[in-house]
C-alpha cells in the first residue's frame, strides 16, 4: 500500500482488527520510509453493481460516492469518519439487499436519507434540500418543521406520548 504522506510503497501492518460487524478489516500501518502511521480498510468486493441514473445511463456503483455524499452533508458537524463509514456500509448493504446488482439512484438516495435522519438532523436537512431540489423557502421550512416535530415527539416521556 502506498503511503498517503510520502508515496512510498513500503509499509508494515502494526495492528489489524475487524470493523463494522465483521464486514471490513481495519489496519493500522506504519510507513518504513517516513515512519508516519495511517489507517487502511479492506472490504469484500461483491462484484460489479451498476447504478441506473434518472436519465437512464448506467454507472458503476461506488461506495466512495456514498461516503463522499454523507461527508458533505455532515461537514462541520460532530460526526466521526468512522461513523460515516459505518453508515455508508449500511446504505450499501440495504441497497444491495433490496436491488441486487442494478440499483436506481432513488433507492440509494432514500437509503441515505433514512440513515441521515437517524444520524444527525442538520445533515438530514442539508441532504434532502439538495436531493429533493427544494424550489423555495416553504419546502425548506416544511422539512425543518417535520424534523423539529419528530424530535419533539421522540423526546416526550412515555406517559405523555401515549395520551
N, C-alpha and C. Protein backbone atom coordinates (compact mmCIF):
# COMPACT_ATOMS: atom_id res chain seq x y z
N UNK A 1 0.84 -1.17 0.00
CA UNK A 1 0.00 0.00 0.00
C UNK A 1 0.89 1.24 0.00
N UNK A 2 0.49 2.22 -0.78
CA UNK A 2 1.28 3.44 -0.91
C UNK A 2 0.97 4.40 0.25
N UNK A 3 2.02 4.95 0.85
CA UNK A 3 1.88 5.89 1.97
C UNK A 3 1.20 7.17 1.48
N UNK A 4 0.16 7.64 2.19
CA UNK A 4 -0.52 8.87 1.77
C UNK A 4 0.31 10.13 2.02
N UNK A 5 1.38 10.01 2.77
CA UNK A 5 2.20 11.17 3.10
C UNK A 5 3.41 11.33 2.18
N UNK A 6 4.13 10.22 1.92
CA UNK A 6 5.36 10.32 1.12
C UNK A 6 5.31 9.48 -0.15
N UNK A 7 4.24 8.74 -0.37
CA UNK A 7 4.02 7.91 -1.55
C UNK A 7 4.93 6.68 -1.66
N UNK A 8 5.68 6.39 -0.61
CA UNK A 8 6.50 5.17 -0.62
C UNK A 8 5.56 3.97 -0.54
N UNK A 9 5.97 2.85 -1.10
CA UNK A 9 5.11 1.67 -1.08
C UNK A 9 5.65 0.58 -0.16
N UNK A 10 6.38 0.97 0.85
CA UNK A 10 6.93 0.03 1.82
C UNK A 10 6.37 0.37 3.19
N UNK A 11 5.41 -0.44 3.66
CA UNK A 11 4.83 -0.21 4.98
C UNK A 11 4.73 -1.51 5.75
N UNK A 12 4.44 -1.38 7.03
CA UNK A 12 4.29 -2.56 7.87
C UNK A 12 2.98 -2.42 8.63
N UNK A 13 2.24 -3.52 8.74
CA UNK A 13 0.98 -3.53 9.48
C UNK A 13 1.30 -3.63 10.97
N UNK A 14 0.79 -2.66 11.74
CA UNK A 14 1.04 -2.61 13.18
C UNK A 14 -0.10 -3.28 13.94
N UNK A 15 -1.32 -3.06 13.47
CA UNK A 15 -2.50 -3.58 14.16
C UNK A 15 -3.56 -3.91 13.13
N UNK A 16 -4.29 -4.98 13.36
CA UNK A 16 -5.36 -5.41 12.47
C UNK A 16 -6.55 -5.82 13.32
N UNK A 17 -7.73 -5.35 12.95
CA UNK A 17 -8.93 -5.80 13.66
C UNK A 17 -10.14 -5.69 12.76
N UNK A 18 -11.16 -6.47 13.08
CA UNK A 18 -12.38 -6.40 12.28
C UNK A 18 -13.11 -5.12 12.64
N UNK A 19 -13.83 -4.63 11.68
CA UNK A 19 -14.57 -3.39 11.84
C UNK A 19 -15.94 -3.58 11.21
N UNK A 20 -16.88 -2.76 11.60
CA UNK A 20 -18.22 -2.76 11.00
C UNK A 20 -18.84 -4.16 11.00
N UNK A 21 -18.96 -4.73 12.18
CA UNK A 21 -19.62 -6.03 12.35
C UNK A 21 -19.00 -7.14 11.49
N UNK A 22 -17.70 -7.08 11.30
CA UNK A 22 -17.02 -8.13 10.55
C UNK A 22 -17.05 -7.96 9.05
N UNK A 23 -17.59 -6.86 8.55
CA UNK A 23 -17.67 -6.64 7.11
C UNK A 23 -16.42 -5.97 6.54
N UNK A 24 -15.52 -5.55 7.42
CA UNK A 24 -14.30 -4.89 6.96
C UNK A 24 -13.18 -5.20 7.95
N UNK A 25 -11.96 -5.02 7.48
CA UNK A 25 -10.79 -5.16 8.34
C UNK A 25 -10.10 -3.82 8.37
N UNK A 26 -9.86 -3.33 9.57
CA UNK A 26 -9.16 -2.05 9.76
C UNK A 26 -7.71 -2.38 10.07
N UNK A 27 -6.81 -1.75 9.33
CA UNK A 27 -5.38 -2.00 9.55
C UNK A 27 -4.67 -0.68 9.82
N UNK A 28 -3.90 -0.64 10.91
CA UNK A 28 -3.00 0.49 11.19
C UNK A 28 -1.67 0.13 10.57
N UNK A 29 -1.12 1.03 9.79
CA UNK A 29 0.12 0.78 9.08
C UNK A 29 1.14 1.85 9.43
N UNK A 30 2.41 1.48 9.31
CA UNK A 30 3.49 2.43 9.51
C UNK A 30 4.37 2.40 8.27
N UNK A 31 4.60 3.59 7.70
CA UNK A 31 5.46 3.70 6.53
C UNK A 31 6.90 3.49 6.95
N UNK A 32 7.60 2.63 6.24
CA UNK A 32 9.00 2.35 6.56
C UNK A 32 9.92 3.49 6.10
N UNK A 33 9.46 4.31 5.18
CA UNK A 33 10.29 5.41 4.67
C UNK A 33 10.21 6.66 5.55
N UNK A 34 8.98 7.08 5.91
CA UNK A 34 8.83 8.33 6.67
C UNK A 34 8.39 8.11 8.11
N UNK A 35 8.08 6.88 8.48
CA UNK A 35 7.68 6.49 9.84
C UNK A 35 6.33 7.05 10.27
N UNK A 36 5.54 7.59 9.35
CA UNK A 36 4.20 8.07 9.71
C UNK A 36 3.23 6.91 9.68
N UNK A 37 2.17 7.04 10.45
CA UNK A 37 1.17 5.97 10.54
C UNK A 37 -0.12 6.40 9.84
N UNK A 38 -0.82 5.41 9.29
CA UNK A 38 -2.08 5.66 8.63
C UNK A 38 -2.96 4.42 8.74
N UNK A 39 -4.24 4.58 8.43
CA UNK A 39 -5.21 3.50 8.54
C UNK A 39 -5.71 3.13 7.16
N UNK A 40 -5.88 1.83 6.94
CA UNK A 40 -6.50 1.36 5.70
C UNK A 40 -7.63 0.41 6.07
N UNK A 41 -8.57 0.25 5.16
CA UNK A 41 -9.70 -0.65 5.36
C UNK A 41 -9.77 -1.61 4.18
N UNK A 42 -10.11 -2.84 4.48
CA UNK A 42 -10.34 -3.83 3.44
C UNK A 42 -11.79 -4.27 3.53
N UNK A 43 -12.47 -4.30 2.41
CA UNK A 43 -13.86 -4.73 2.35
C UNK A 43 -14.00 -5.79 1.28
N UNK A 44 -14.98 -6.63 1.44
CA UNK A 44 -15.26 -7.66 0.43
C UNK A 44 -15.82 -6.98 -0.81
N UNK A 45 -15.26 -7.33 -1.94
CA UNK A 45 -15.77 -6.82 -3.20
C UNK A 45 -16.78 -7.83 -3.72
N UNK A 46 -18.01 -7.38 -3.85
CA UNK A 46 -19.10 -8.29 -4.18
C UNK A 46 -19.35 -8.41 -5.68
N UNK A 47 -18.46 -7.95 -6.47
CA UNK A 47 -18.71 -8.00 -7.90
C UNK A 47 -19.33 -6.69 -8.36
N UNK A 48 -19.34 -6.47 -9.64
CA UNK A 48 -19.81 -5.19 -10.14
C UNK A 48 -21.30 -5.00 -9.93
N UNK A 49 -21.64 -3.81 -9.53
CA UNK A 49 -23.04 -3.40 -9.44
C UNK A 49 -23.15 -2.10 -10.21
N UNK A 50 -24.31 -1.84 -10.73
CA UNK A 50 -24.50 -0.64 -11.54
C UNK A 50 -25.64 0.20 -10.99
N UNK A 51 -25.47 1.50 -11.12
CA UNK A 51 -26.48 2.46 -10.73
C UNK A 51 -27.18 2.92 -12.00
N UNK A 52 -28.49 2.87 -11.98
CA UNK A 52 -29.29 3.37 -13.10
C UNK A 52 -29.65 4.82 -12.76
N UNK A 53 -29.10 5.74 -13.52
CA UNK A 53 -29.32 7.17 -13.29
C UNK A 53 -30.72 7.56 -13.75
N UNK A 54 -31.19 8.74 -13.34
CA UNK A 54 -32.53 9.19 -13.71
C UNK A 54 -32.72 9.33 -15.21
N UNK A 55 -31.63 9.62 -15.93
CA UNK A 55 -31.73 9.76 -17.38
C UNK A 55 -31.53 8.44 -18.12
N UNK A 56 -31.42 7.32 -17.36
CA UNK A 56 -31.29 6.00 -17.96
C UNK A 56 -29.87 5.50 -18.12
N UNK A 57 -28.87 6.38 -17.94
CA UNK A 57 -27.48 5.95 -18.05
C UNK A 57 -27.15 4.98 -16.92
N UNK A 58 -26.17 4.12 -17.18
CA UNK A 58 -25.69 3.19 -16.16
C UNK A 58 -24.28 3.59 -15.77
N UNK A 59 -24.01 3.52 -14.48
CA UNK A 59 -22.70 3.89 -13.95
C UNK A 59 -22.32 2.85 -12.91
N UNK A 60 -21.04 2.57 -12.78
CA UNK A 60 -20.61 1.60 -11.78
C UNK A 60 -20.90 2.11 -10.38
N UNK A 61 -21.42 1.24 -9.55
CA UNK A 61 -21.76 1.56 -8.16
C UNK A 61 -20.48 1.89 -7.39
N UNK A 62 -20.54 2.92 -6.55
CA UNK A 62 -19.35 3.36 -5.83
C UNK A 62 -19.65 3.63 -4.36
N UNK A 63 -19.04 2.84 -3.48
CA UNK A 63 -19.13 3.08 -2.04
C UNK A 63 -18.58 4.47 -1.73
N UNK A 64 -17.51 4.85 -2.40
CA UNK A 64 -16.84 6.13 -2.14
C UNK A 64 -17.78 7.30 -2.41
N UNK A 65 -18.61 7.21 -3.44
CA UNK A 65 -19.55 8.30 -3.74
C UNK A 65 -20.58 8.45 -2.62
N UNK A 66 -21.01 7.33 -2.07
CA UNK A 66 -21.96 7.38 -0.96
C UNK A 66 -21.28 8.02 0.24
N UNK A 67 -20.08 7.57 0.54
CA UNK A 67 -19.33 8.14 1.66
C UNK A 67 -19.11 9.64 1.47
N UNK A 68 -18.72 10.04 0.26
CA UNK A 68 -18.47 11.46 -0.01
C UNK A 68 -19.74 12.31 0.18
N UNK A 69 -20.88 11.79 -0.25
CA UNK A 69 -22.14 12.50 -0.06
C UNK A 69 -22.49 12.64 1.41
N UNK A 70 -22.27 11.57 2.17
CA UNK A 70 -22.51 11.63 3.61
C UNK A 70 -21.57 12.63 4.27
N UNK A 71 -20.29 12.60 3.87
CA UNK A 71 -19.30 13.51 4.45
C UNK A 71 -19.67 14.97 4.16
N UNK A 72 -20.15 15.23 2.96
CA UNK A 72 -20.55 16.60 2.60
C UNK A 72 -21.74 17.05 3.45
N UNK A 73 -22.70 16.17 3.64
CA UNK A 73 -23.87 16.51 4.45
C UNK A 73 -23.49 16.73 5.92
N UNK A 74 -22.45 16.05 6.38
CA UNK A 74 -22.05 16.12 7.79
C UNK A 74 -20.88 17.08 8.02
N UNK A 75 -20.51 17.82 6.98
CA UNK A 75 -19.38 18.74 7.10
C UNK A 75 -19.58 19.71 8.26
N UNK A 76 -18.55 19.86 9.08
CA UNK A 76 -18.53 20.75 10.25
C UNK A 76 -19.53 20.33 11.33
N UNK A 77 -19.95 19.08 11.32
CA UNK A 77 -20.81 18.55 12.37
C UNK A 77 -20.01 17.53 13.17
N UNK A 78 -20.41 17.26 14.39
CA UNK A 78 -19.65 16.31 15.22
C UNK A 78 -19.93 14.85 14.88
N UNK A 79 -19.62 14.46 13.65
CA UNK A 79 -19.82 13.09 13.19
C UNK A 79 -18.46 12.56 12.74
N UNK A 80 -18.02 11.47 13.34
CA UNK A 80 -16.70 10.93 13.03
C UNK A 80 -16.69 10.23 11.67
N UNK A 81 -15.50 10.15 11.09
CA UNK A 81 -15.37 9.45 9.81
C UNK A 81 -15.68 7.97 9.99
N UNK A 82 -15.41 7.43 11.17
CA UNK A 82 -15.75 6.03 11.44
C UNK A 82 -17.26 5.82 11.38
N UNK A 83 -18.02 6.76 11.96
CA UNK A 83 -19.49 6.68 11.87
C UNK A 83 -19.95 6.80 10.43
N UNK A 84 -19.34 7.69 9.67
CA UNK A 84 -19.71 7.84 8.26
C UNK A 84 -19.45 6.56 7.48
N UNK A 85 -18.34 5.90 7.77
CA UNK A 85 -18.03 4.64 7.09
C UNK A 85 -19.07 3.58 7.42
N UNK A 86 -19.47 3.51 8.69
CA UNK A 86 -20.50 2.54 9.09
C UNK A 86 -21.82 2.83 8.40
N UNK A 87 -22.18 4.11 8.32
CA UNK A 87 -23.43 4.48 7.65
C UNK A 87 -23.35 4.14 6.16
N UNK A 88 -22.22 4.45 5.52
CA UNK A 88 -22.06 4.12 4.10
C UNK A 88 -22.17 2.61 3.89
N UNK A 89 -21.58 1.83 4.79
CA UNK A 89 -21.68 0.37 4.68
C UNK A 89 -23.13 -0.10 4.82
N UNK A 90 -23.87 0.51 5.76
CA UNK A 90 -25.29 0.12 5.94
C UNK A 90 -26.11 0.49 4.70
N UNK A 91 -25.83 1.65 4.12
CA UNK A 91 -26.55 2.05 2.91
C UNK A 91 -26.28 1.05 1.79
N UNK A 92 -25.02 0.71 1.61
CA UNK A 92 -24.66 -0.26 0.56
C UNK A 92 -25.36 -1.59 0.81
N UNK A 93 -25.31 -2.07 2.04
CA UNK A 93 -25.95 -3.34 2.38
C UNK A 93 -27.45 -3.28 2.09
N UNK A 94 -28.09 -2.22 2.55
CA UNK A 94 -29.54 -2.06 2.36
C UNK A 94 -29.90 -2.04 0.88
N UNK A 95 -29.17 -1.25 0.12
CA UNK A 95 -29.47 -1.10 -1.30
C UNK A 95 -29.20 -2.40 -2.06
N UNK A 96 -28.07 -3.03 -1.78
CA UNK A 96 -27.74 -4.29 -2.48
C UNK A 96 -28.71 -5.40 -2.11
N UNK A 97 -29.12 -5.44 -0.86
CA UNK A 97 -30.07 -6.47 -0.43
C UNK A 97 -31.40 -6.29 -1.13
N UNK A 98 -31.80 -5.04 -1.31
CA UNK A 98 -33.09 -4.74 -1.93
C UNK A 98 -33.05 -4.90 -3.45
N UNK A 99 -31.96 -4.39 -4.07
CA UNK A 99 -31.96 -4.28 -5.52
C UNK A 99 -30.99 -5.20 -6.24
N UNK A 100 -30.06 -5.80 -5.55
CA UNK A 100 -29.11 -6.68 -6.22
C UNK A 100 -28.02 -5.92 -6.93
N UNK A 101 -27.78 -6.27 -8.20
CA UNK A 101 -26.66 -5.70 -8.93
C UNK A 101 -27.02 -4.50 -9.81
N UNK A 102 -28.31 -4.15 -9.86
CA UNK A 102 -28.72 -2.93 -10.55
C UNK A 102 -29.57 -2.11 -9.59
N UNK A 103 -29.13 -0.89 -9.34
CA UNK A 103 -29.73 -0.05 -8.32
C UNK A 103 -30.15 1.28 -8.94
N UNK A 104 -31.33 1.75 -8.58
CA UNK A 104 -31.77 3.07 -9.02
C UNK A 104 -31.20 4.12 -8.08
N UNK A 105 -30.92 5.30 -8.60
CA UNK A 105 -30.42 6.38 -7.75
C UNK A 105 -31.43 6.73 -6.66
N UNK A 106 -32.71 6.55 -6.95
CA UNK A 106 -33.75 6.82 -5.96
C UNK A 106 -33.61 5.91 -4.75
N UNK A 107 -33.33 4.62 -4.99
CA UNK A 107 -33.15 3.69 -3.88
C UNK A 107 -31.96 4.08 -3.01
N UNK A 108 -30.88 4.51 -3.65
CA UNK A 108 -29.70 4.94 -2.89
C UNK A 108 -30.02 6.19 -2.09
N UNK A 109 -30.63 7.17 -2.73
CA UNK A 109 -30.98 8.42 -2.04
C UNK A 109 -31.88 8.20 -0.85
N UNK A 110 -32.89 7.35 -1.01
CA UNK A 110 -33.81 7.10 0.11
C UNK A 110 -33.11 6.36 1.25
N UNK A 111 -32.19 5.45 0.92
CA UNK A 111 -31.44 4.75 1.97
C UNK A 111 -30.54 5.73 2.72
N UNK A 112 -29.91 6.66 2.00
CA UNK A 112 -29.07 7.67 2.64
C UNK A 112 -29.92 8.57 3.54
N UNK A 113 -31.08 8.99 3.04
CA UNK A 113 -31.97 9.84 3.82
C UNK A 113 -32.37 9.15 5.13
N UNK A 114 -32.72 7.87 5.04
CA UNK A 114 -33.11 7.13 6.25
C UNK A 114 -31.99 7.08 7.27
N UNK A 115 -30.78 6.87 6.81
CA UNK A 115 -29.64 6.81 7.73
C UNK A 115 -29.31 8.18 8.31
N UNK A 116 -29.34 9.22 7.48
CA UNK A 116 -29.02 10.56 7.97
C UNK A 116 -30.07 11.06 8.96
N UNK A 117 -31.30 10.66 8.75
CA UNK A 117 -32.37 11.07 9.68
C UNK A 117 -32.07 10.56 11.09
N UNK A 118 -31.51 9.35 11.18
CA UNK A 118 -31.15 8.78 12.49
C UNK A 118 -29.84 9.36 13.01
N UNK A 119 -28.94 9.73 12.11
CA UNK A 119 -27.60 10.16 12.49
C UNK A 119 -27.55 11.60 13.00
N UNK A 120 -28.07 12.54 12.22
CA UNK A 120 -27.97 13.95 12.59
C UNK A 120 -29.03 14.75 11.85
N UNK A 121 -29.85 15.52 12.57
CA UNK A 121 -30.94 16.25 11.91
C UNK A 121 -30.45 17.34 10.95
N UNK A 122 -29.34 17.98 11.25
CA UNK A 122 -28.82 19.02 10.36
C UNK A 122 -28.32 18.39 9.06
N UNK A 123 -27.59 17.29 9.17
CA UNK A 123 -27.10 16.59 7.98
C UNK A 123 -28.28 16.11 7.14
N UNK A 124 -29.32 15.62 7.80
CA UNK A 124 -30.52 15.15 7.10
C UNK A 124 -31.15 16.28 6.28
N UNK A 125 -31.34 17.45 6.91
CA UNK A 125 -31.96 18.57 6.20
C UNK A 125 -31.06 19.07 5.07
N UNK A 126 -29.76 19.11 5.31
CA UNK A 126 -28.84 19.51 4.24
C UNK A 126 -28.98 18.58 3.03
N UNK A 127 -28.98 17.28 3.32
CA UNK A 127 -29.03 16.31 2.22
C UNK A 127 -30.34 16.38 1.46
N UNK A 128 -31.47 16.39 2.17
CA UNK A 128 -32.75 16.39 1.45
C UNK A 128 -32.98 17.69 0.69
N UNK A 129 -32.42 18.80 1.19
CA UNK A 129 -32.60 20.06 0.47
C UNK A 129 -31.96 20.00 -0.91
N UNK A 130 -30.85 19.28 -1.03
CA UNK A 130 -30.19 19.11 -2.33
C UNK A 130 -30.84 17.97 -3.09
N UNK A 131 -31.04 16.83 -2.42
CA UNK A 131 -31.57 15.63 -3.07
C UNK A 131 -32.97 15.87 -3.66
N UNK A 132 -33.80 16.55 -2.89
CA UNK A 132 -35.18 16.79 -3.35
C UNK A 132 -35.32 18.10 -4.10
N UNK A 133 -34.22 18.79 -4.32
CA UNK A 133 -34.19 20.04 -5.11
C UNK A 133 -35.26 21.03 -4.66
N UNK A 134 -35.16 21.45 -3.41
CA UNK A 134 -36.13 22.43 -2.91
C UNK A 134 -36.16 23.64 -3.83
N UNK A 135 -37.36 24.06 -4.18
CA UNK A 135 -37.54 25.17 -5.11
C UNK A 135 -37.76 26.50 -4.40
N UNK A 136 -38.19 26.42 -3.13
CA UNK A 136 -38.47 27.66 -2.42
C UNK A 136 -38.28 27.47 -0.91
N UNK A 137 -38.40 28.55 -0.19
CA UNK A 137 -38.18 28.54 1.25
C UNK A 137 -39.26 27.72 1.96
N UNK A 138 -40.46 27.69 1.43
CA UNK A 138 -41.55 26.95 2.07
C UNK A 138 -41.21 25.45 2.13
N UNK A 139 -40.65 24.90 1.07
CA UNK A 139 -40.26 23.49 1.08
C UNK A 139 -39.19 23.23 2.13
N UNK A 140 -38.25 24.14 2.25
CA UNK A 140 -37.20 24.02 3.26
C UNK A 140 -37.82 24.11 4.66
N UNK A 141 -38.72 25.05 4.84
CA UNK A 141 -39.39 25.22 6.12
C UNK A 141 -40.20 23.98 6.50
N UNK A 142 -40.91 23.40 5.54
CA UNK A 142 -41.69 22.19 5.80
C UNK A 142 -40.78 21.05 6.27
N UNK A 143 -39.63 20.90 5.65
CA UNK A 143 -38.68 19.85 6.05
C UNK A 143 -38.17 20.11 7.47
N UNK A 144 -37.85 21.36 7.77
CA UNK A 144 -37.39 21.71 9.12
C UNK A 144 -38.47 21.45 10.16
N UNK A 145 -39.69 21.85 9.84
CA UNK A 145 -40.80 21.64 10.78
C UNK A 145 -41.00 20.15 11.06
N UNK A 146 -40.90 19.34 10.02
CA UNK A 146 -41.03 17.88 10.18
C UNK A 146 -39.95 17.34 11.13
N UNK A 147 -38.72 17.80 10.97
CA UNK A 147 -37.62 17.34 11.84
C UNK A 147 -37.86 17.78 13.27
N UNK A 148 -38.24 19.05 13.46
CA UNK A 148 -38.46 19.57 14.81
C UNK A 148 -39.62 18.84 15.48
N UNK A 149 -40.70 18.62 14.74
CA UNK A 149 -41.85 17.92 15.32
C UNK A 149 -41.52 16.47 15.68
N UNK A 150 -40.75 15.79 14.83
CA UNK A 150 -40.41 14.40 15.12
C UNK A 150 -39.46 14.33 16.32
N UNK A 151 -38.55 15.28 16.45
CA UNK A 151 -37.65 15.31 17.60
C UNK A 151 -38.43 15.62 18.87
N UNK A 152 -39.44 16.48 18.76
CA UNK A 152 -40.26 16.85 19.91
C UNK A 152 -41.06 15.65 20.40
N UNK A 153 -41.67 14.90 19.49
CA UNK A 153 -42.47 13.74 19.90
C UNK A 153 -41.58 12.59 20.37
N UNK A 154 -40.36 12.47 19.80
CA UNK A 154 -39.44 11.42 20.22
C UNK A 154 -38.89 11.67 21.61
N UNK A 155 -38.84 12.94 22.04
CA UNK A 155 -38.25 13.26 23.33
C UNK A 155 -39.27 13.33 24.45
N UNK A 156 -40.56 13.17 24.14
CA UNK A 156 -41.58 13.19 25.19
C UNK A 156 -41.47 11.96 26.07
N UNK A 157 -41.75 12.11 27.37
CA UNK A 157 -41.79 10.93 28.25
C UNK A 157 -42.83 9.95 27.75
N UNK A 158 -42.64 8.69 28.07
CA UNK A 158 -43.54 7.62 27.57
C UNK A 158 -44.98 7.88 27.94
N UNK A 159 -45.26 8.34 29.16
CA UNK A 159 -46.64 8.57 29.58
C UNK A 159 -47.29 9.68 28.75
N UNK A 160 -46.56 10.76 28.43
CA UNK A 160 -47.11 11.85 27.63
C UNK A 160 -47.36 11.41 26.20
N UNK A 161 -46.47 10.61 25.65
CA UNK A 161 -46.60 10.19 24.26
C UNK A 161 -47.83 9.33 24.05
N UNK A 162 -48.28 8.62 25.10
CA UNK A 162 -49.44 7.73 24.98
C UNK A 162 -50.74 8.52 24.99
N UNK A 163 -50.78 9.67 25.64
CA UNK A 163 -52.05 10.41 25.78
C UNK A 163 -52.36 11.27 24.60
